[in-house]
C-alpha atoms as a PDB file:
ATOM      1  CA  MET A   1       0.000   0.000   0.000  1.00  0.00           C
ATOM      2  CA  ALA A   2       1.416   3.389  -1.040  1.00  0.00           C
ATOM      3  CA  LEU A   3       1.441   6.531   1.059  1.00  0.00           C
ATOM      4  CA  ARG A   4      -1.856   8.405   1.249  1.00  0.00           C
ATOM      5  CA  PRO A   5      -2.516  11.165  -1.306  1.00  0.00           C
ATOM      6  CA  ASP A   6      -2.606  13.857   1.402  1.00  0.00           C
ATOM      7  CA  THR A   7       0.772  12.678   2.693  1.00  0.00           C
ATOM      8  CA  LEU A   8       2.255  12.843  -0.798  1.00  0.00           C
ATOM      9  CA  ARG A   9       0.815  16.321  -1.353  1.00  0.00           C
ATOM     10  CA  THR A  10       2.320  17.532   1.904  1.00  0.00           C
ATOM     11  CA  ILE A  11       5.733  16.111   1.018  1.00  0.00           C
ATOM     12  CA  SER A  12       5.572  17.696  -2.441  1.00  0.00           C
ATOM     13  CA  ARG A  13       4.607  21.069  -0.968  1.00  0.00           C
ATOM     14  CA  ILE A  14       7.519  20.990   1.461  1.00  0.00           C
ATOM     15  CA  PHE A  15      10.034  20.168  -1.266  1.00  0.00           C
ATOM     16  CA  GLN A  16       8.647  23.007  -3.370  1.00  0.00           C
ATOM     17  CA  GLN A  17       8.938  25.468  -0.482  1.00  0.00           C
ATOM     18  CA  LEU A  18      12.478  24.561   0.602  1.00  0.00           C
ATOM     19  CA  ASP A  19      15.031  27.359   0.245  1.00  0.00           C
ATOM     20  CA  TYR A  20      17.482  25.531  -2.007  1.00  0.00           C
ATOM     21  CA  ARG A  21      19.794  28.518  -2.301  1.00  0.00           C
ATOM     22  CA  SER A  22      20.397  28.461   1.445  1.00  0.00           C
ATOM     23  CA  LEU A  23      20.608  24.668   1.448  1.00  0.00           C
ATOM     24  CA  GLY A  24      23.205  24.830  -1.313  1.00  0.00           C
ATOM     25  CA  GLU A  25      25.374  27.080   0.835  1.00  0.00           C
ATOM     26  CA  ILE A  26      24.951  24.717   3.789  1.00  0.00           C
ATOM     27  CA  TYR A  27      25.599  21.459   1.961  1.00  0.00           C
ATOM     28  CA  CYS A  28      28.286  22.571  -0.507  1.00  0.00           C
ATOM     29  CA  ASP A  29      31.398  24.737  -0.503  1.00  0.00           C
ATOM     30  CA  GLU A  30      30.556  25.618  -4.098  1.00  0.00           C
ATOM     31  CA  GLY A  31      28.099  24.479  -6.767  1.00  0.00           C
ATOM     32  CA  GLY A  32      25.145  24.317  -4.399  1.00  0.00           C
ATOM     33  CA  ASP A  33      22.582  25.273  -7.030  1.00  0.00           C
ATOM     34  CA  ALA A  34      23.700  22.479  -9.357  1.00  0.00           C
ATOM     35  CA  PHE A  35      23.853  20.060  -6.440  1.00  0.00           C
ATOM     36  CA  TRP A  36      20.208  20.551  -5.539  1.00  0.00           C
ATOM     37  CA  GLU A  37      19.044  20.813  -9.142  1.00  0.00           C
ATOM     38  CA  GLU A  38      20.370  17.286  -9.581  1.00  0.00           C
ATOM     39  CA  ARG A  39      19.300  15.827  -6.238  1.00  0.00           C
ATOM     40  CA  ARG A  40      16.036  17.440  -5.179  1.00  0.00           C
ATOM     41  CA  GLY A  41      13.896  15.145  -7.365  1.00  0.00           C
ATOM     42  CA  PRO A  42      15.638  11.913  -6.341  1.00  0.00           C
ATOM     43  CA  ALA A  43      15.734  13.043  -2.712  1.00  0.00           C
ATOM     44  CA  GLU A  44      11.965  13.478  -2.726  1.00  0.00           C
ATOM     45  CA  GLN A  45      11.165  10.235  -4.568  1.00  0.00           C
ATOM     46  CA  LEU A  46      13.642   8.003  -2.751  1.00  0.00           C
ATOM     47  CA  GLY A  47      12.546   9.595   0.513  1.00  0.00           C
ATOM     48  CA  ILE A  48       8.953   8.670  -0.311  1.00  0.00           C
ATOM     49  CA  ASN A  49      10.033   5.124  -1.125  1.00  0.00           C
ATOM     50  CA  MET A  50      11.872   4.900   2.189  1.00  0.00           C
ATOM     51  CA  ALA A  51       8.896   6.286   4.096  1.00  0.00           C
ATOM     52  CA  ASP A  52       6.691   3.611   2.546  1.00  0.00           C
ATOM     53  CA  VAL A  53       9.142   0.892   3.613  1.00  0.00           C
ATOM     54  CA  LEU A  54       9.365   2.307   7.131  1.00  0.00           C
ATOM     55  CA  ARG A  55       5.603   2.689   7.535  1.00  0.00           C
ATOM     56  CA  VAL A  56       4.931  -1.060   7.696  1.00  0.00           C
ATOM     57  CA  ARG A  57       7.633  -1.533  10.350  1.00  0.00           C
ATOM     58  CA  LEU A  58       6.303   0.923  12.909  1.00  0.00           C
ATOM     59  CA  PRO A  59       3.226   0.827  15.127  1.00  0.00           C
ATOM     60  CA  SER A  60       0.959   3.810  15.405  1.00  0.00           C
ATOM     61  CA  LYS A  61       1.085   6.228  18.354  1.00  0.00           C
ATOM     62  CA  GLY A  62       4.769   5.604  19.153  1.00  0.00           C
ATOM     63  CA  ARG A  63       7.754   7.977  19.339  1.00  0.00           C
ATOM     64  CA  SER A  64      10.687   8.345  16.946  1.00  0.00           C
ATOM     65  CA  LEU A  65      13.993  10.066  17.604  1.00  0.00           C
ATOM     66  CA  TYR A  66      15.744  11.361  14.473  1.00  0.00           C
ATOM     67  CA  ALA A  67      19.438  12.188  14.901  1.00  0.00           C
ATOM     68  CA  GLY A  68      20.967  14.400  12.217  1.00  0.00           C
ATOM     69  CA  ALA A  69      17.688  14.793  10.330  1.00  0.00           C
ATOM     70  CA  GLY A  70      17.765  16.847   7.142  1.00  0.00           C
ATOM     71  CA  VAL A  71      16.087  17.091   3.742  1.00  0.00           C
ATOM     72  CA  ALA A  72      16.278  13.344   3.111  1.00  0.00           C
ATOM     73  CA  GLU A  73      14.290  12.600   6.270  1.00  0.00           C
ATOM     74  CA  ILE A  74      11.322  14.849   5.452  1.00  0.00           C
ATOM     75  CA  PRO A  75       9.135  12.173   3.788  1.00  0.00           C
ATOM     76  CA  ALA A  76       9.611   9.724   6.669  1.00  0.00           C
ATOM     77  CA  LEU A  77       8.847  12.418   9.249  1.00  0.00           C
ATOM     78  CA  VAL A  78       5.679  13.476   7.419  1.00  0.00           C
ATOM     79  CA  MET A  79       4.538   9.874   6.998  1.00  0.00           C
ATOM     80  CA  GLU A  80       5.030   9.076  10.684  1.00  0.00           C
ATOM     81  CA  ALA A  81       3.287  12.217  11.878  1.00  0.00           C
ATOM     82  CA  LEU A  82       0.313  12.168   9.492  1.00  0.00           C
ATOM     83  CA  GLU A  83      -0.343   8.497   8.764  1.00  0.00           C
ATOM     84  CA  LEU A  84       0.811   6.718  11.925  1.00  0.00           C
ATOM     85  CA  GLU A  85       0.069   9.655  14.262  1.00  0.00           C
ATOM     86  CA  ARG A  86       3.436   9.159  15.905  1.00  0.00           C
ATOM     87  CA  GLU A  87       5.444  11.784  17.739  1.00  0.00           C
ATOM     88  CA  VAL A  88       8.574  12.538  15.738  1.00  0.00           C
ATOM     89  CA  VAL A  89      11.457  14.454  17.295  1.00  0.00           C
ATOM     90  CA  PRO A  90      14.083  15.486  14.695  1.00  0.00           C
ATOM     91  CA  TYR A  91      17.457  16.946  15.677  1.00  0.00           C
ATOM     92  CA  ASN A  92      19.940  18.758  13.440  1.00  0.00           C
ATOM     93  CA  LEU A  93      23.077  20.405  14.851  1.00  0.00           C
ATOM     94  CA  ARG A  94      23.208  22.927  12.003  1.00  0.00           C
ATOM     95  CA  ALA A  95      21.057  25.756  13.332  1.00  0.00           C
ATOM     96  CA  ARG A  96      20.784  27.432   9.924  1.00  0.00           C
ATOM     97  CA  GLU A  97      19.602  24.219   8.259  1.00  0.00           C
ATOM     98  CA  ALA A  98      17.084  23.614  11.043  1.00  0.00           C
ATOM     99  CA  THR A  99      15.637  27.080  10.380  1.00  0.00           C
ATOM    100  CA  VAL A 100      15.312  26.417   6.635  1.00  0.00           C
ATOM    101  CA  LEU A 101      13.637  23.069   7.279  1.00  0.00           C
ATOM    102  CA  ASN A 102      11.246  24.489   9.852  1.00  0.00           C
ATOM    103  CA  ASP A 103      10.237  27.292   7.508  1.00  0.00           C
ATOM    104  CA  ALA A 104       9.233  24.743   4.872  1.00  0.00           C
ATOM    105  CA  CYS A 105       7.535  22.442   7.404  1.00  0.00           C
ATOM    106  CA  ALA A 106       5.494  25.144   9.140  1.00  0.00           C
ATOM    107  CA  ASN A 107       2.120  24.014  10.530  1.00  0.00           C
ATOM    108  CA  LEU A 108       3.203  20.371  10.755  1.00  0.00           C
ATOM    109  CA  PRO A 109       3.239  18.637  14.172  1.00  0.00           C
ATOM    110  CA  PHE A 110       7.033  18.569  14.470  1.00  0.00           C
ATOM    111  CA  ALA A 111       9.980  20.944  14.415  1.00  0.00           C
ATOM    112  CA  PHE A 112      13.679  20.407  13.789  1.00  0.00           C
ATOM    113  CA  ARG A 113      15.732  21.135  16.905  1.00  0.00           C
ATOM    114  CA  PRO A 114      19.241  22.597  16.491  1.00  0.00           C
ATOM    115  CA  GLN A 115      20.596  20.481  19.319  1.00  0.00           C
ATOM    116  CA  ASP A 116      22.382  17.229  20.056  1.00  0.00           C
ATOM    117  CA  ALA A 117      19.926  14.313  19.814  1.00  0.00           C
ATOM    118  CA  ARG A 118      21.296  12.974  23.089  1.00  0.00           C
ATOM    119  CA  THR A 119      19.475  15.811  24.852  1.00  0.00           C
ATOM    120  CA  ALA A 120      16.084  14.365  23.851  1.00  0.00           C
ATOM    121  CA  SER A 121      13.797  13.575  26.767  1.00  0.00           C
ATOM    122  CA  GLY A 122      11.813  10.406  27.306  1.00  0.00           C
ATOM    123  CA  VAL A 123      12.031   7.064  25.537  1.00  0.00           C
ATOM    124  CA  PHE A 124      11.456   6.099  21.906  1.00  0.00           C
ATOM    125  CA  ASP A 125      10.563   2.879  20.103  1.00  0.00           C
ATOM    126  CA  HIS A 126      12.350   3.978  16.906  1.00  0.00           C
ATOM    127  CA  LEU A 127      15.722   5.610  16.371  1.00  0.00           C
ATOM    128  CA  TRP A 128      16.689   7.040  12.979  1.00  0.00           C
ATOM    129  CA  ILE A 129      20.449   7.630  12.886  1.00  0.00           C
ATOM    130  CA  VAL A 130      21.674   7.785   9.283  1.00  0.00           C
ATOM    131  CA  SER A 131      25.050   9.169   8.134  1.00  0.00           C
ATOM    132  CA  VAL A 132      25.706  10.579  11.606  1.00  0.00           C
ATOM    133  CA  LEU A 133      28.247   8.167  13.069  1.00  0.00           C
ATOM    134  CA  ASN A 134      30.355   8.094   9.891  1.00  0.00           C
ATOM    135  CA  ASP A 135      30.036  11.744   8.796  1.00  0.00           C
ATOM    136  CA  PRO A 136      33.294  12.510   6.910  1.00  0.00           C
ATOM    137  CA  GLU A 137      32.996  16.242   7.621  1.00  0.00           C
ATOM    138  CA  CYS A 138      32.810  15.732  11.385  1.00  0.00           C
ATOM    139  CA  TYR A 139      35.015  12.638  11.570  1.00  0.00           C
ATOM    140  CA  PRO A 140      37.422  12.644   8.609  1.00  0.00           C
ATOM    141  CA  GLU A 141      39.682   9.801   9.769  1.00  0.00           C
ATOM    142  CA  LEU A 142      36.874   7.593  11.045  1.00  0.00           C
ATOM    143  CA  GLY A 143      34.768   8.294   7.974  1.00  0.00           C
ATOM    144  CA  ALA A 144      37.644   7.443   5.631  1.00  0.00           C
ATOM    145  CA  LEU A 145      38.313   4.156   7.411  1.00  0.00           C
ATOM    146  CA  SER A 146      34.621   3.273   7.544  1.00  0.00           C
ATOM    147  CA  SER A 147      34.170   3.778   3.804  1.00  0.00           C
ATOM    148  CA  GLY A 148      37.433   2.104   2.796  1.00  0.00           C
ATOM    149  CA  ARG A 149      39.040   5.371   1.647  1.00  0.00           C
ATOM    150  CA  ALA A 150      41.681   5.618   4.387  1.00  0.00           C
ATOM    151  CA  ASN A 151      45.162   6.430   3.053  1.00  0.00           C
ATOM    152  CA  PRO A 152      47.753   4.369   4.987  1.00  0.00           C
ATOM    153  CA  VAL A 153      50.372   7.070   4.362  1.00  0.00           C
ATOM    154  CA  THR A 154      48.419   9.987   5.821  1.00  0.00           C
ATOM    155  CA  PHE A 155      45.990   8.231   8.191  1.00  0.00           C
ATOM    156  CA  ASP A 156      46.265   9.699  11.704  1.00  0.00           C
ATOM    157  CA  PRO A 157      45.532   7.006  14.346  1.00  0.00           C
ATOM    158  CA  GLU A 158      45.480   9.505  17.211  1.00  0.00           C
ATOM    159  CA  VAL A 159      42.777  11.603  15.543  1.00  0.00           C
ATOM    160  CA  PHE A 160      40.899   8.406  14.724  1.00  0.00           C
ATOM    161  CA  ALA A 161      41.036   7.267  18.361  1.00  0.00           C
ATOM    162  CA  PHE A 162      39.574  10.599  19.490  1.00  0.00           C
ATOM    163  CA  GLU A 163      36.837  10.487  16.839  1.00  0.00           C
ATOM    164  CA  ARG A 164      35.987   6.903  17.789  1.00  0.00           C
ATOM    165  CA  THR A 165      35.514   7.910  21.426  1.00  0.00           C
ATOM    166  CA  VAL A 166      33.201  10.752  20.384  1.00  0.00           C
ATOM    167  CA  VAL A 167      31.139   8.505  18.108  1.00  0.00           C
ATOM    168  CA  HIS A 168      30.870   5.793  20.751  1.00  0.00           C
ATOM    169  CA  GLY A 169      29.362   8.439  23.015  1.00  0.00           C
ATOM    170  CA  ILE A 170      26.867   9.610  20.403  1.00  0.00           C
ATOM    171  CA  ALA A 171      25.757   6.078  19.550  1.00  0.00           C
ATOM    172  CA  ALA A 172      25.347   5.100  23.201  1.00  0.00           C
ATOM    173  CA  GLY A 173      23.622   8.349  24.133  1.00  0.00           C
ATOM    174  CA  CYS A 174      20.973   7.842  21.448  1.00  0.00           C
ATOM    175  CA  LEU A 175      20.548   4.080  21.825  1.00  0.00           C
ATOM    176  CA  GLU A 176      20.051   4.372  25.570  1.00  0.00           C
ATOM    177  CA  LYS A 177      16.825   6.240  24.797  1.00  0.00           C
ATOM    178  CA  LEU A 178      15.443   3.268  22.846  1.00  0.00           C
ATOM    179  CA  ARG A 179      12.665   1.319  24.529  1.00  0.00           C
ATOM    180  CA  LEU A 180      13.029  -2.400  23.887  1.00  0.00           C
ATOM    181  CA  PRO A 181      12.007  -4.033  21.696  1.00  0.00           C
ATOM    182  CA  GLY A 182      12.765  -1.216  19.295  1.00  0.00           C
ATOM    183  CA  LEU A 183      13.734  -0.434  15.729  1.00  0.00           C
ATOM    184  CA  VAL A 184      16.830   1.368  14.472  1.00  0.00           C
ATOM    185  CA  THR A 185      17.059   2.834  10.983  1.00  0.00           C
ATOM    186  CA  THR A 186      20.682   3.405  10.034  1.00  0.00           C
ATOM    187  CA  SER A 187      23.164   3.188   7.177  1.00  0.00           C
ATOM    188  CA  VAL A 188      24.991  -0.033   6.369  1.00  0.00           C
ATOM    189  CA  GLU A 189      28.296   1.605   7.305  1.00  0.00           C
ATOM    190  CA  GLU A 190      26.978   2.439  10.764  1.00  0.00           C
ATOM    191  CA  ILE A 191      25.808  -1.083  11.616  1.00  0.00           C
ATOM    192  CA  PRO A 192      28.971  -1.916  13.649  1.00  0.00           C
ATOM    193  CA  TRP A 193      28.304   0.950  16.076  1.00  0.00           C
ATOM    194  CA  ILE A 194      24.764  -0.267  16.737  1.00  0.00           C
ATOM    195  CA  THR A 195      25.622  -3.950  17.041  1.00  0.00           C
ATOM    196  CA  HIS A 196      28.648  -3.242  19.259  1.00  0.00           C
ATOM    197  CA  TRP A 197      26.409  -1.348  21.696  1.00  0.00           C
ATOM    198  CA  CYS A 198      24.021  -4.315  21.763  1.00  0.00           C
ATOM    199  CA  GLU A 199      26.791  -6.864  22.237  1.00  0.00           C
ATOM    200  CA  GLN A 200      28.329  -4.907  25.118  1.00  0.00           C
ATOM    201  CA  ARG A 201      24.963  -4.999  26.895  1.00  0.00           C
ATOM    202  CA  ARG A 202      24.026  -8.537  25.792  1.00  0.00           C
ATOM    203  CA  ILE A 203      20.942  -7.279  23.999  1.00  0.00           C
ATOM    204  CA  SER A 204      19.691  -9.344  21.078  1.00  0.00           C
ATOM    205  CA  PHE A 205      19.484  -7.800  17.618  1.00  0.00           C
ATOM    206  CA  VAL A 206      18.616  -8.748  14.056  1.00  0.00           C
ATOM    207  CA  VAL A 207      19.933  -6.841  11.045  1.00  0.00           C
ATOM    208  CA  GLU A 208      17.521  -7.080   8.116  1.00  0.00           C
ATOM    209  CA  ASP A 209      19.109  -8.438   4.940  1.00  0.00           C
ATOM    210  CA  GLN A 210      17.782  -5.829   2.512  1.00  0.00           C
ATOM    211  CA  ASP A 211      19.064  -2.280   2.231  1.00  0.00           C
ATOM    212  CA  TYR A 212      17.601   0.761   0.503  1.00  0.00           C
ATOM    213  CA  PRO A 213      19.206   3.602  -1.516  1.00  0.00           C
ATOM    214  CA  THR A 214      19.362   7.259  -0.549  1.00  0.00           C
ATOM    215  CA  ALA A 215      19.789  10.182  -2.902  1.00  0.00           C
ATOM    216  CA  ILE A 216      21.914  12.739  -1.086  1.00  0.00           C
ATOM    217  CA  VAL A 217      24.816  11.063   0.706  1.00  0.00           C
ATOM    218  CA  GLN A 218      24.331   7.726  -1.097  1.00  0.00           C
ATOM    219  CA  ASP A 219      24.655   5.631   2.057  1.00  0.00           C
ATOM    220  CA  PRO A 220      22.393   2.546   1.738  1.00  0.00           C
ATOM    221  CA  ILE A 221      19.934   2.313   4.637  1.00  0.00           C
ATOM    222  CA  CYS A 222      18.907  -0.775   6.586  1.00  0.00           C
ATOM    223  CA  PHE A 223      16.842  -1.730   9.633  1.00  0.00           C
ATOM    224  CA  ILE A 224      17.994  -3.328  12.882  1.00  0.00           C
ATOM    225  CA  ARG A 225      15.497  -4.835  15.314  1.00  0.00           C
ATOM    226  CA  ILE A 226      16.795  -4.677  18.859  1.00  0.00           C
ATOM    227  CA  GLY A 227      15.693  -6.596  21.943  1.00  0.00           C
ATOM    228  CA  ASN A 228      13.307  -9.027  20.282  1.00  0.00           C
ATOM    229  CA  GLY A 229      14.476 -12.119  22.093  1.00  0.00           C
END
């Protein structure tokens, strides 16, 4: 079953209202207009596809924590809020991007918060954490190693060790807010951070076999069910 027509109209309206000039300056050092000209259509359609996949995995009336939510997460957020009547709490550390997103999503029952997702209150049955733990801009050495791009000549193990400690803290701080059993949506590259947290606490998990494409950062997304046995 596809997303409802009113959900699709809302998603389309948001993507039409987004300030792509400002987003181009946020996402790119240069060439932002061309970047979004190429990606805005795929970002909307693949986001819709992902929202449809997510919809059948979540119960109604629950709570979802979104860490590092941006343009790509808009369809999933809208679907959860409108179709499943779930509370969605999206966080984005870039204050300027959060403002742009909130302007386009005005009058919807959620707002992007320019804060660390670890500051979220309460518990959640779903955590969305995609391209956060392996962000090459925030964690250049860790991101390079995670994606197989690390240069053995220039790789700095001391910087990597620091970045790893930071990322461990982010992963744990978000996962500790997950009510079990729960669902985690993450990228394939970030699976080790999630499963390591589970193994350290002897919590069962199942990583679904299938993954799904994204349009902006091109990190394939998958689902991990945690605490189901």
